C-alpha atoms as a PDB file:
ATOM      1  CA  UNK A   1       0.000   0.000   0.000  1.00  0.00           C
ATOM      2  CA  UNK A   2       0.896   3.652   0.047  1.00  0.00           C
ATOM      3  CA  UNK A   3       2.571   4.854   3.211  1.00  0.00           C
ATOM      4  CA  UNK A   4       0.491   7.282   5.243  1.00  0.00           C
ATOM      5  CA  UNK A   5      -2.744   6.752   3.305  1.00  0.00           C
ATOM      6  CA  UNK A   6      -5.703   6.131   5.649  1.00  0.00           C
ATOM      7  CA  UNK A   7      -6.451   2.469   6.400  1.00  0.00           C
ATOM      8  CA  UNK A   8     -10.019   2.518   5.126  1.00  0.00           C
ATOM      9  CA  UNK A   9     -12.014   4.353   2.484  1.00  0.00           C
ATOM     10  CA  UNK A  10     -15.719   4.301   3.337  1.00  0.00           C
ATOM     11  CA  UNK A  11     -18.244   4.888   0.547  1.00  0.00           C
ATOM     12  CA  UNK A  12     -21.568   6.214   1.835  1.00  0.00           C
ATOM     13  CA  UNK A  13     -24.931   6.930   0.212  1.00  0.00           C
ATOM     14  CA  UNK A  14     -25.251  10.208  -1.631  1.00  0.00           C
ATOM     15  CA  UNK A  15     -21.748  10.029  -3.046  1.00  0.00           C
ATOM     16  CA  UNK A  16     -20.111  10.685   0.319  1.00  0.00           C
ATOM     17  CA  UNK A  17     -16.631   9.302   0.880  1.00  0.00           C
ATOM     18  CA  UNK A  18     -14.827   9.350   4.222  1.00  0.00           C
ATOM     19  CA  UNK A  19     -11.395   8.138   5.240  1.00  0.00           C
ATOM     20  CA  UNK A  20     -10.583   6.229   8.419  1.00  0.00           C
ATOM     21  CA  UNK A  21      -7.250   5.711  10.149  1.00  0.00           C
ATOM     22  CA  UNK A  22      -7.408   2.985  12.792  1.00  0.00           C
ATOM     23  CA  UNK A  23      -4.874   3.012  15.609  1.00  0.00           C
ATOM     24  CA  UNK A  24      -4.153   1.089  18.776  1.00  0.00           C
ATOM     25  CA  UNK A  25      -5.719   2.824  21.807  1.00  0.00           C
ATOM     26  CA  UNK A  26      -3.852   6.029  22.569  1.00  0.00           C
ATOM     27  CA  UNK A  27      -1.427   5.675  19.665  1.00  0.00           C
ATOM     28  CA  UNK A  28      -0.957   8.953  17.762  1.00  0.00           C
ATOM     29  CA  UNK A  29      -0.878   9.386  14.018  1.00  0.00           C
ATOM     30  CA  UNK A  30       2.544   9.184  12.410  1.00  0.00           C
ATOM     31  CA  UNK A  31       3.798  12.400  10.724  1.00  0.00           C
ATOM     32  CA  UNK A  32       3.036  11.069   7.226  1.00  0.00           C
ATOM     33  CA  UNK A  33      -0.464  10.037   8.341  1.00  0.00           C
ATOM     34  CA  UNK A  34      -1.023  13.548   9.722  1.00  0.00           C
ATOM     35  CA  UNK A  35       0.064  15.017   6.380  1.00  0.00           C
ATOM     36  CA  UNK A  36      -2.329  12.784   4.434  1.00  0.00           C
ATOM     37  CA  UNK A  37      -5.191  13.629   6.821  1.00  0.00           C
ATOM     38  CA  UNK A  38      -4.501  17.356   6.466  1.00  0.00           C
ATOM     39  CA  UNK A  39      -4.260  17.151   2.680  1.00  0.00           C
ATOM     40  CA  UNK A  40      -7.545  15.225   2.472  1.00  0.00           C
ATOM     41  CA  UNK A  41      -9.280  17.677   4.824  1.00  0.00           C
ATOM     42  CA  UNK A  42      -7.927  20.607   2.797  1.00  0.00           C
ATOM     43  CA  UNK A  43      -9.655  19.030  -0.222  1.00  0.00           C
ATOM     44  CA  UNK A  44     -12.937  18.933   1.727  1.00  0.00           C
ATOM     45  CA  UNK A  45     -12.916  15.275   2.766  1.00  0.00           C
ATOM     46  CA  UNK A  46     -13.829  13.976   6.214  1.00  0.00           C
ATOM     47  CA  UNK A  47     -11.034  12.005   7.931  1.00  0.00           C
ATOM     48  CA  UNK A  48     -11.475  10.038  11.147  1.00  0.00           C
ATOM     49  CA  UNK A  49      -8.883   8.652  13.543  1.00  0.00           C
ATOM     50  CA  UNK A  50     -10.451   5.769  15.428  1.00  0.00           C
ATOM     51  CA  UNK A  51      -8.727   4.281  18.466  1.00  0.00           C
ATOM     52  CA  UNK A  52     -11.531   3.704  20.988  1.00  0.00           C
ATOM     53  CA  UNK A  53     -14.980   2.125  21.084  1.00  0.00           C
ATOM     54  CA  UNK A  54     -16.409   5.607  21.630  1.00  0.00           C
ATOM     55  CA  UNK A  55     -14.725   6.747  18.396  1.00  0.00           C
ATOM     56  CA  UNK A  56     -16.356   3.828  16.562  1.00  0.00           C
ATOM     57  CA  UNK A  57     -19.787   4.736  17.963  1.00  0.00           C
ATOM     58  CA  UNK A  58     -19.315   8.404  17.009  1.00  0.00           C
ATOM     59  CA  UNK A  59     -18.176   7.455  13.498  1.00  0.00           C
ATOM     60  CA  UNK A  60     -21.209   5.207  12.932  1.00  0.00           C
ATOM     61  CA  UNK A  61     -23.619   7.815  14.306  1.00  0.00           C
ATOM     62  CA  UNK A  62     -22.181  10.562  12.092  1.00  0.00           C
ATOM     63  CA  UNK A  63     -22.281   8.338   9.009  1.00  0.00           C
ATOM     64  CA  UNK A  64     -25.890   7.305   9.666  1.00  0.00           C
ATOM     65  CA  UNK A  65     -26.919  10.873  10.396  1.00  0.00           C
ATOM     66  CA  UNK A  66     -25.282  12.306   7.306  1.00  0.00           C
ATOM     67  CA  UNK A  67     -22.709  14.243   9.325  1.00  0.00           C
ATOM     68  CA  UNK A  68     -19.837  12.653   7.440  1.00  0.00           C
ATOM     69  CA  UNK A  69     -19.091  14.511   4.217  1.00  0.00           C
END
């Protein structure tokens, strides 16, 4: 794969695409991952870092509610 690219690309209804970086609990993003996340956000994409069960619940709720763009 490409270094730093988010782990998952999630395709949602309505043509929405979000990117997900999964990490071990408490583990920060690596510098290259931070750069990719910033670049994607600068292009208007939604990027999530998920490292807890609460993050998973929030991600699912936002995707179901249309909050993810």
